[in-house]
């Protein structure tokens, strides 16, 4: 059984395997889309709904991903995550 994680967009709980994992690599000081969930580092989880991705990236004030990971996403990362289906 997989542990439950919370989507930072809609704040609903899902099994960890059903969510997208976004990880800050501490050694490289960058954010990656951790699809295989094998890299270590501070992480946030998103369900695959487009509205949750938008909520997590463009919330009023500080976006959830930057706030939790303590680093600003790069333009190429934003493009990569917005192109997900």
PDB file of N, CA and C in Angstrom:
ATOM      1  N   UNK A   1       0.843  -1.186   0.000  1.00  0.00           N
ATOM      2  CA  UNK A   1       0.000   0.000   0.000  1.00  0.00           C
ATOM      3  C   UNK A   1       0.889   1.251   0.000  1.00  0.00           C
ATOM      4  N   UNK A   2       0.526   2.218  -0.821  1.00  0.00           N
ATOM      5  CA  UNK A   2       1.300   3.447  -0.928  1.00  0.00           C
ATOM      6  C   UNK A   2       0.822   4.470   0.097  1.00  0.00           C
ATOM      7  N   UNK A   3       1.750   5.265   0.623  1.00  0.00           N
ATOM      8  CA  UNK A   3       1.336   6.309   1.562  1.00  0.00           C
ATOM      9  C   UNK A   3       0.535   7.387   0.846  1.00  0.00           C
ATOM     10  N   UNK A   4      -0.335   8.060   1.578  1.00  0.00           N
ATOM     11  CA  UNK A   4      -1.146   9.143   1.015  1.00  0.00           C
ATOM     12  C   UNK A   4      -0.345  10.441   1.036  1.00  0.00           C
ATOM     13  N   UNK A   5      -0.496  11.223  -0.010  1.00  0.00           N
ATOM     14  CA  UNK A   5       0.120  12.543  -0.114  1.00  0.00           C
ATOM     15  C   UNK A   5      -0.952  13.548  -0.509  1.00  0.00           C
ATOM     16  N   UNK A   6      -0.717  14.822  -0.226  1.00  0.00           N
ATOM     17  CA  UNK A   6      -1.689  15.873  -0.503  1.00  0.00           C
ATOM     18  C   UNK A   6      -1.273  16.687  -1.721  1.00  0.00           C
ATOM     19  N   UNK A   7      -2.198  16.890  -2.631  1.00  0.00           N
ATOM     20  CA  UNK A   7      -1.966  17.733  -3.802  1.00  0.00           C
ATOM     21  C   UNK A   7      -1.904  19.190  -3.338  1.00  0.00           C
ATOM     22  N   UNK A   8      -0.871  19.929  -3.753  1.00  0.00           N
ATOM     23  CA  UNK A   8      -0.745  21.328  -3.332  1.00  0.00           C
ATOM     24  C   UNK A   8      -1.683  22.241  -4.098  1.00  0.00           C
ATOM     25  N   UNK A   9      -2.349  21.732  -5.124  1.00  0.00           N
ATOM     26  CA  UNK A   9      -3.315  22.524  -5.879  1.00  0.00           C
ATOM     27  C   UNK A   9      -4.702  22.469  -5.269  1.00  0.00           C
ATOM     28  N   UNK A  10      -5.240  21.254  -5.099  1.00  0.00           N
ATOM     29  CA  UNK A  10      -6.619  21.095  -4.607  1.00  0.00           C
ATOM     30  C   UNK A  10      -6.691  20.682  -3.138  1.00  0.00           C
ATOM     31  N   UNK A  11      -5.565  20.336  -2.529  1.00  0.00           N
ATOM     32  CA  UNK A  11      -5.468  19.939  -1.114  1.00  0.00           C
ATOM     33  C   UNK A  11      -6.226  18.658  -0.791  1.00  0.00           C
ATOM     34  N   UNK A  12      -6.406  17.784  -1.796  1.00  0.00           N
ATOM     35  CA  UNK A  12      -7.018  16.477  -1.563  1.00  0.00           C
ATOM     36  C   UNK A  12      -5.919  15.427  -1.433  1.00  0.00           C
ATOM     37  N   UNK A  13      -6.204  14.363  -0.690  1.00  0.00           N
ATOM     38  CA  UNK A  13      -5.231  13.293  -0.488  1.00  0.00           C
ATOM     39  C   UNK A  13      -5.420  12.207  -1.542  1.00  0.00           C
ATOM     40  N   UNK A  14      -4.278  11.701  -2.042  1.00  0.00           N
ATOM     41  CA  UNK A  14      -4.244  10.635  -3.031  1.00  0.00           C
ATOM     42  C   UNK A  14      -3.119   9.675  -2.662  1.00  0.00           C
ATOM     43  N   UNK A  15      -3.157   8.428  -3.182  1.00  0.00           N
ATOM     44  CA  UNK A  15      -1.985   7.562  -3.016  1.00  0.00           C
ATOM     45  C   UNK A  15      -0.783   8.194  -3.722  1.00  0.00           C
ATOM     46  N   UNK A  16       0.376   8.082  -3.134  1.00  0.00           N
ATOM     47  CA  UNK A  16       1.585   8.720  -3.647  1.00  0.00           C
ATOM     48  C   UNK A  16       1.851   8.360  -5.107  1.00  0.00           C
ATOM     49  N   UNK A  17       1.583   7.121  -5.511  1.00  0.00           N
ATOM     50  CA  UNK A  17       1.875   6.675  -6.870  1.00  0.00           C
ATOM     51  C   UNK A  17       1.002   7.358  -7.918  1.00  0.00           C
ATOM     52  N   UNK A  18      -0.131   7.961  -7.511  1.00  0.00           N
ATOM     53  CA  UNK A  18      -1.050   8.606  -8.448  1.00  0.00           C
ATOM     54  C   UNK A  18      -0.741  10.085  -8.671  1.00  0.00           C
ATOM     55  N   UNK A  19       0.240  10.629  -7.977  1.00  0.00           N
ATOM     56  CA  UNK A  19       0.547  12.058  -8.056  1.00  0.00           C
ATOM     57  C   UNK A  19       1.854  12.327  -8.795  1.00  0.00           C
ATOM     58  N   UNK A  20       1.963  13.526  -9.339  1.00  0.00           N
ATOM     59  CA  UNK A  20       3.221  14.001  -9.916  1.00  0.00           C
ATOM     60  C   UNK A  20       4.080  14.516  -8.770  1.00  0.00           C
ATOM     61  N   UNK A  21       5.331  14.140  -8.757  1.00  0.00           N
ATOM     62  CA  UNK A  21       6.235  14.588  -7.697  1.00  0.00           C
ATOM     63  C   UNK A  21       7.194  15.627  -8.271  1.00  0.00           C
ATOM     64  N   UNK A  22       7.241  16.774  -7.626  1.00  0.00           N
ATOM     65  CA  UNK A  22       8.151  17.849  -8.015  1.00  0.00           C
ATOM     66  C   UNK A  22       9.169  17.977  -6.896  1.00  0.00           C
ATOM     67  N   UNK A  23      10.448  17.845  -7.247  1.00  0.00           N
ATOM     68  CA  UNK A  23      11.510  17.749  -6.249  1.00  0.00           C
ATOM     69  C   UNK A  23      12.555  18.845  -6.448  1.00  0.00           C
ATOM     70  N   UNK A  24      13.005  19.410  -5.328  1.00  0.00           N
ATOM     71  CA  UNK A  24      14.148  20.327  -5.352  1.00  0.00           C
ATOM     72  C   UNK A  24      15.389  19.514  -5.052  1.00  0.00           C
ATOM     73  N   UNK A  25      16.281  19.457  -6.020  1.00  0.00           N
ATOM     74  CA  UNK A  25      17.547  18.755  -5.815  1.00  0.00           C
ATOM     75  C   UNK A  25      18.470  19.676  -5.034  1.00  0.00           C
ATOM     76  N   UNK A  26      18.828  19.289  -3.837  1.00  0.00           N
ATOM     77  CA  UNK A  26      19.635  20.160  -2.983  1.00  0.00           C
ATOM     78  C   UNK A  26      21.054  20.305  -3.499  1.00  0.00           C
ATOM     79  N   UNK A  27      21.568  19.282  -4.132  1.00  0.00           N
ATOM     80  CA  UNK A  27      22.947  19.367  -4.618  1.00  0.00           C
ATOM     81  C   UNK A  27      23.083  20.319  -5.807  1.00  0.00           C
ATOM     82  N   UNK A  28      22.031  20.451  -6.623  1.00  0.00           N
ATOM     83  CA  UNK A  28      22.102  21.280  -7.819  1.00  0.00           C
ATOM     84  C   UNK A  28      21.306  22.579  -7.725  1.00  0.00           C
ATOM     85  N   UNK A  29      20.546  22.759  -6.661  1.00  0.00           N
ATOM     86  CA  UNK A  29      19.720  23.955  -6.456  1.00  0.00           C
ATOM     87  C   UNK A  29      18.775  24.192  -7.633  1.00  0.00           C
ATOM     88  N   UNK A  30      18.062  23.121  -8.052  1.00  0.00           N
ATOM     89  CA  UNK A  30      17.086  23.273  -9.112  1.00  0.00           C
ATOM     90  C   UNK A  30      15.895  22.365  -8.851  1.00  0.00           C
ATOM     91  N   UNK A  31      14.783  22.646  -9.551  1.00  0.00           N
ATOM     92  CA  UNK A  31      13.555  21.890  -9.406  1.00  0.00           C
ATOM     93  C   UNK A  31      13.398  20.980 -10.622  1.00  0.00           C
ATOM     94  N   UNK A  32      12.996  19.734 -10.358  1.00  0.00           N
ATOM     95  CA  UNK A  32      12.763  18.799 -11.460  1.00  0.00           C
ATOM     96  C   UNK A  32      11.394  18.136 -11.300  1.00  0.00           C
ATOM     97  N   UNK A  33      10.861  17.648 -12.392  1.00  0.00           N
ATOM     98  CA  UNK A  33       9.666  16.831 -12.373  1.00  0.00           C
ATOM     99  C   UNK A  33      10.138  15.398 -12.179  1.00  0.00           C
ATOM    100  N   UNK A  34       9.890  14.856 -11.020  1.00  0.00           N
ATOM    101  CA  UNK A  34      10.439  13.572 -10.592  1.00  0.00           C
ATOM    102  C   UNK A  34       9.436  12.462 -10.902  1.00  0.00           C
ATOM    103  N   UNK A  35       9.284  12.095 -12.175  1.00  0.00           N
ATOM    104  CA  UNK A  35       8.266  11.141 -12.595  1.00  0.00           C
ATOM    105  C   UNK A  35       8.480   9.740 -12.051  1.00  0.00           C
ATOM    106  N   UNK A  36       9.716   9.304 -11.933  1.00  0.00           N
ATOM    107  CA  UNK A  36       9.997   7.957 -11.425  1.00  0.00           C
ATOM    108  C   UNK A  36      10.074   7.919  -9.906  1.00  0.00           C
ATOM    109  N   UNK A  37       9.998   9.072  -9.270  1.00  0.00           N
ATOM    110  CA  UNK A  37      10.047   9.206  -7.812  1.00  0.00           C
ATOM    111  C   UNK A  37      11.267   8.525  -7.220  1.00  0.00           C
ATOM    112  N   UNK A  38      12.414   8.736  -7.865  1.00  0.00           N
ATOM    113  CA  UNK A  38      13.630   8.098  -7.372  1.00  0.00           C
ATOM    114  C   UNK A  38      14.664   9.088  -6.856  1.00  0.00           C
ATOM    115  N   UNK A  39      14.552  10.367  -7.196  1.00  0.00           N
ATOM    116  CA  UNK A  39      15.520  11.357  -6.713  1.00  0.00           C
ATOM    117  C   UNK A  39      15.140  11.824  -5.320  1.00  0.00           C
ATOM    118  N   UNK A  40      16.147  12.089  -4.519  1.00  0.00           N
ATOM    119  CA  UNK A  40      15.913  12.552  -3.163  1.00  0.00           C
ATOM    120  C   UNK A  40      15.931  14.068  -3.104  1.00  0.00           C
ATOM    121  N   UNK A  41      15.202  14.623  -2.181  1.00  0.00           N
ATOM    122  CA  UNK A  41      15.165  16.059  -1.975  1.00  0.00           C
ATOM    123  C   UNK A  41      13.792  16.467  -1.475  1.00  0.00           C
ATOM    124  N   UNK A  42      13.645  17.731  -1.173  1.00  0.00           N
ATOM    125  CA  UNK A  42      12.363  18.259  -0.715  1.00  0.00           C
ATOM    126  C   UNK A  42      11.377  18.211  -1.877  1.00  0.00           C
ATOM    127  N   UNK A  43      10.150  17.723  -1.636  1.00  0.00           N
ATOM    128  CA  UNK A  43       9.203  17.507  -2.728  1.00  0.00           C
ATOM    129  C   UNK A  43       7.814  18.030  -2.414  1.00  0.00           C
ATOM    130  N   UNK A  44       7.075  18.320  -3.476  1.00  0.00           N
ATOM    131  CA  UNK A  44       5.645  18.617  -3.411  1.00  0.00           C
ATOM    132  C   UNK A  44       4.964  17.690  -4.404  1.00  0.00           C
ATOM    133  N   UNK A  45       3.672  17.490  -4.207  1.00  0.00           N
ATOM    134  CA  UNK A  45       2.917  16.588  -5.055  1.00  0.00           C
ATOM    135  C   UNK A  45       1.736  17.317  -5.687  1.00  0.00           C
ATOM    136  N   UNK A  46       1.436  16.947  -6.933  1.00  0.00           N
ATOM    137  CA  UNK A  46       0.317  17.516  -7.677  1.00  0.00           C
ATOM    138  C   UNK A  46      -0.471  16.398  -8.335  1.00  0.00           C
ATOM    139  N   UNK A  47      -1.816  16.523  -8.309  1.00  0.00           N
ATOM    140  CA  UNK A  47      -2.589  15.600  -9.133  1.00  0.00           C
ATOM    141  C   UNK A  47      -2.486  16.110 -10.571  1.00  0.00           C
ATOM    142  N   UNK A  48      -2.930  15.334 -11.509  1.00  0.00           N
ATOM    143  CA  UNK A  48      -2.678  15.674 -12.911  1.00  0.00           C
ATOM    144  C   UNK A  48      -3.718  16.609 -13.528  1.00  0.00           C
ATOM    145  N   UNK A  49      -4.606  17.151 -12.729  1.00  0.00           N
ATOM    146  CA  UNK A  49      -5.608  18.086 -13.254  1.00  0.00           C
ATOM    147  C   UNK A  49      -4.953  19.411 -13.608  1.00  0.00           C
ATOM    148  N   UNK A  50      -5.334  19.959 -14.768  1.00  0.00           N
ATOM    149  CA  UNK A  50      -4.770  21.241 -15.231  1.00  0.00           C
ATOM    150  C   UNK A  50      -5.038  22.367 -14.234  1.00  0.00           C
ATOM    151  N   UNK A  51      -6.236  22.397 -13.636  1.00  0.00           N
ATOM    152  CA  UNK A  51      -6.557  23.474 -12.700  1.00  0.00           C
ATOM    153  C   UNK A  51      -5.710  23.406 -11.438  1.00  0.00           C
ATOM    154  N   UNK A  52      -5.315  22.216 -11.027  1.00  0.00           N
ATOM    155  CA  UNK A  52      -4.451  22.094  -9.850  1.00  0.00           C
ATOM    156  C   UNK A  52      -3.045  22.606 -10.148  1.00  0.00           C
ATOM    157  N   UNK A  53      -2.562  22.324 -11.350  1.00  0.00           N
ATOM    158  CA  UNK A  53      -1.249  22.828 -11.754  1.00  0.00           C
ATOM    159  C   UNK A  53      -1.276  24.360 -11.765  1.00  0.00           C
ATOM    160  N   UNK A  54      -2.325  24.940 -12.327  1.00  0.00           N
ATOM    161  CA  UNK A  54      -2.436  26.412 -12.367  1.00  0.00           C
ATOM    162  C   UNK A  54      -2.541  27.003 -10.958  1.00  0.00           C
ATOM    163  N   UNK A  55      -3.330  26.370 -10.093  1.00  0.00           N
ATOM    164  CA  UNK A  55      -3.457  26.854  -8.709  1.00  0.00           C
ATOM    165  C   UNK A  55      -2.109  26.812  -7.997  1.00  0.00           C
ATOM    166  N   UNK A  56      -1.372  25.736  -8.190  1.00  0.00           N
ATOM    167  CA  UNK A  56      -0.089  25.568  -7.505  1.00  0.00           C
ATOM    168  C   UNK A  56       0.961  26.548  -8.015  1.00  0.00           C
ATOM    169  N   UNK A  57       0.879  26.921  -9.294  1.00  0.00           N
ATOM    170  CA  UNK A  57       1.888  27.810  -9.880  1.00  0.00           C
ATOM    171  C   UNK A  57       1.531  29.288  -9.824  1.00  0.00           C
ATOM    172  N   UNK A  58       0.239  29.595  -9.864  1.00  0.00           N
ATOM    173  CA  UNK A  58      -0.153  30.999 -10.034  1.00  0.00           C
ATOM    174  C   UNK A  58      -1.133  31.490  -8.981  1.00  0.00           C
ATOM    175  N   UNK A  59      -1.017  30.988  -7.777  1.00  0.00           N
ATOM    176  CA  UNK A  59      -1.876  31.429  -6.692  1.00  0.00           C
ATOM    177  C   UNK A  59      -1.539  32.878  -6.312  1.00  0.00           C
ATOM    178  N   UNK A  60      -2.536  33.612  -5.827  1.00  0.00           N
ATOM    179  CA  UNK A  60      -2.268  34.984  -5.371  1.00  0.00           C
ATOM    180  C   UNK A  60      -1.225  34.951  -4.263  1.00  0.00           C
ATOM    181  N   UNK A  61      -0.380  35.935  -4.230  1.00  0.00           N
ATOM    182  CA  UNK A  61       0.700  35.949  -3.252  1.00  0.00           C
ATOM    183  C   UNK A  61       1.818  35.060  -3.736  1.00  0.00           C
ATOM    184  N   UNK A  62       2.282  34.151  -2.908  1.00  0.00           N
ATOM    185  CA  UNK A  62       3.360  33.238  -3.295  1.00  0.00           C
ATOM    186  C   UNK A  62       2.754  31.950  -3.842  1.00  0.00           C
ATOM    187  N   UNK A  63       3.285  31.465  -4.961  1.00  0.00           N
ATOM    188  CA  UNK A  63       2.771  30.200  -5.474  1.00  0.00           C
ATOM    189  C   UNK A  63       3.219  29.075  -4.553  1.00  0.00           C
ATOM    190  N   UNK A  64       2.454  27.997  -4.538  1.00  0.00           N
ATOM    191  CA  UNK A  64       2.680  26.900  -3.593  1.00  0.00           C
ATOM    192  C   UNK A  64       4.021  26.209  -3.810  1.00  0.00           C
ATOM    193  N   UNK A  65       4.413  26.021  -5.065  1.00  0.00           N
ATOM    194  CA  UNK A  65       5.663  25.306  -5.337  1.00  0.00           C
ATOM    195  C   UNK A  65       6.863  26.097  -4.839  1.00  0.00           C
ATOM    196  N   UNK A  66       6.934  27.382  -5.155  1.00  0.00           N
ATOM    197  CA  UNK A  66       8.046  28.217  -4.678  1.00  0.00           C
ATOM    198  C   UNK A  66       8.051  28.318  -3.160  1.00  0.00           C
ATOM    199  N   UNK A  67       6.872  28.452  -2.599  1.00  0.00           N
ATOM    200  CA  UNK A  67       6.763  28.616  -1.153  1.00  0.00           C
ATOM    201  C   UNK A  67       7.271  27.376  -0.411  1.00  0.00           C
ATOM    202  N   UNK A  68       6.874  26.198  -0.855  1.00  0.00           N
ATOM    203  CA  UNK A  68       7.251  24.970  -0.161  1.00  0.00           C
ATOM    204  C   UNK A  68       8.698  24.571  -0.444  1.00  0.00           C
ATOM    205  N   UNK A  69       9.123  24.693  -1.702  1.00  0.00           N
ATOM    206  CA  UNK A  69      10.469  24.258  -2.067  1.00  0.00           C
ATOM    207  C   UNK A  69      11.538  25.315  -1.813  1.00  0.00           C
ATOM    208  N   UNK A  70      11.123  26.535  -1.497  1.00  0.00           N
ATOM    209  CA  UNK A  70      12.047  27.636  -1.173  1.00  0.00           C
ATOM    210  C   UNK A  70      12.999  27.981  -2.325  1.00  0.00           C
ATOM    211  N   UNK A  71      12.504  27.839  -3.559  1.00  0.00           N
ATOM    212  CA  UNK A  71      13.286  28.179  -4.742  1.00  0.00           C
ATOM    213  C   UNK A  71      12.315  28.488  -5.871  1.00  0.00           C
ATOM    214  N   UNK A  72      12.659  29.455  -6.708  1.00  0.00           N
ATOM    215  CA  UNK A  72      11.810  29.828  -7.846  1.00  0.00           C
ATOM    216  C   UNK A  72      12.006  28.848  -8.987  1.00  0.00           C
ATOM    217  N   UNK A  73      10.905  28.369  -9.593  1.00  0.00           N
ATOM    218  CA  UNK A  73      11.045  27.501 -10.762  1.00  0.00           C
ATOM    219  C   UNK A  73      11.584  28.274 -11.967  1.00  0.00           C
ATOM    220  N   UNK A  74      12.374  27.606 -12.789  1.00  0.00           N
ATOM    221  CA  UNK A  74      12.899  28.237 -13.994  1.00  0.00           C
ATOM    222  C   UNK A  74      11.813  28.274 -15.065  1.00  0.00           C
ATOM    223  N   UNK A  75      12.011  29.096 -16.083  1.00  0.00           N
ATOM    224  CA  UNK A  75      11.053  29.201 -17.182  1.00  0.00           C
ATOM    225  C   UNK A  75      10.909  27.872 -17.916  1.00  0.00           C
ATOM    226  N   UNK A  76      12.003  27.146 -18.096  1.00  0.00           N
ATOM    227  CA  UNK A  76      11.925  25.856 -18.789  1.00  0.00           C
ATOM    228  C   UNK A  76      11.154  24.826 -17.974  1.00  0.00           C
ATOM    229  N   UNK A  77      11.272  24.868 -16.643  1.00  0.00           N
ATOM    230  CA  UNK A  77      10.493  23.961 -15.801  1.00  0.00           C
ATOM    231  C   UNK A  77       9.011  24.296 -15.893  1.00  0.00           C
ATOM    232  N   UNK A  78       8.670  25.575 -15.861  1.00  0.00           N
ATOM    233  CA  UNK A  78       7.267  25.993 -15.966  1.00  0.00           C
ATOM    234  C   UNK A  78       6.664  25.537 -17.286  1.00  0.00           C
ATOM    235  N   UNK A  79       7.431  25.656 -18.359  1.00  0.00           N
ATOM    236  CA  UNK A  79       6.955  25.217 -19.670  1.00  0.00           C
ATOM    237  C   UNK A  79       6.730  23.708 -19.670  1.00  0.00           C
ATOM    238  N   UNK A  80       7.654  22.962 -19.076  1.00  0.00           N
ATOM    239  CA  UNK A  80       7.556  21.502 -19.022  1.00  0.00           C
ATOM    240  C   UNK A  80       6.315  21.052 -18.256  1.00  0.00           C
ATOM    241  N   UNK A  81       6.046  21.669 -17.130  1.00  0.00           N
ATOM    242  CA  UNK A  81       4.921  21.238 -16.305  1.00  0.00           C
ATOM    243  C   UNK A  81       3.578  21.670 -16.910  1.00  0.00           C
ATOM    244  N   UNK A  82       3.541  22.788 -17.586  1.00  0.00           N
ATOM    245  CA  UNK A  82       2.298  23.231 -18.220  1.00  0.00           C
ATOM    246  C   UNK A  82       1.944  22.394 -19.444  1.00  0.00           C
ATOM    247  N   UNK A  83       2.910  21.712 -20.033  1.00  0.00           N
ATOM    248  CA  UNK A  83       2.651  20.876 -21.202  1.00  0.00           C
ATOM    249  C   UNK A  83       2.191  19.474 -20.846  1.00  0.00           C
ATOM    250  N   UNK A  84       2.151  19.148 -19.565  1.00  0.00           N
ATOM    251  CA  UNK A  84       1.692  17.818 -19.149  1.00  0.00           C
ATOM    252  C   UNK A  84       0.197  17.662 -19.379  1.00  0.00           C
ATOM    253  N   UNK A  85      -0.200  16.455 -19.687  1.00  0.00           N
ATOM    254  CA  UNK A  85      -1.631  16.160 -19.849  1.00  0.00           C
ATOM    255  C   UNK A  85      -2.116  15.288 -18.755  1.00  0.00           C
TER     256      UNK A  85
END
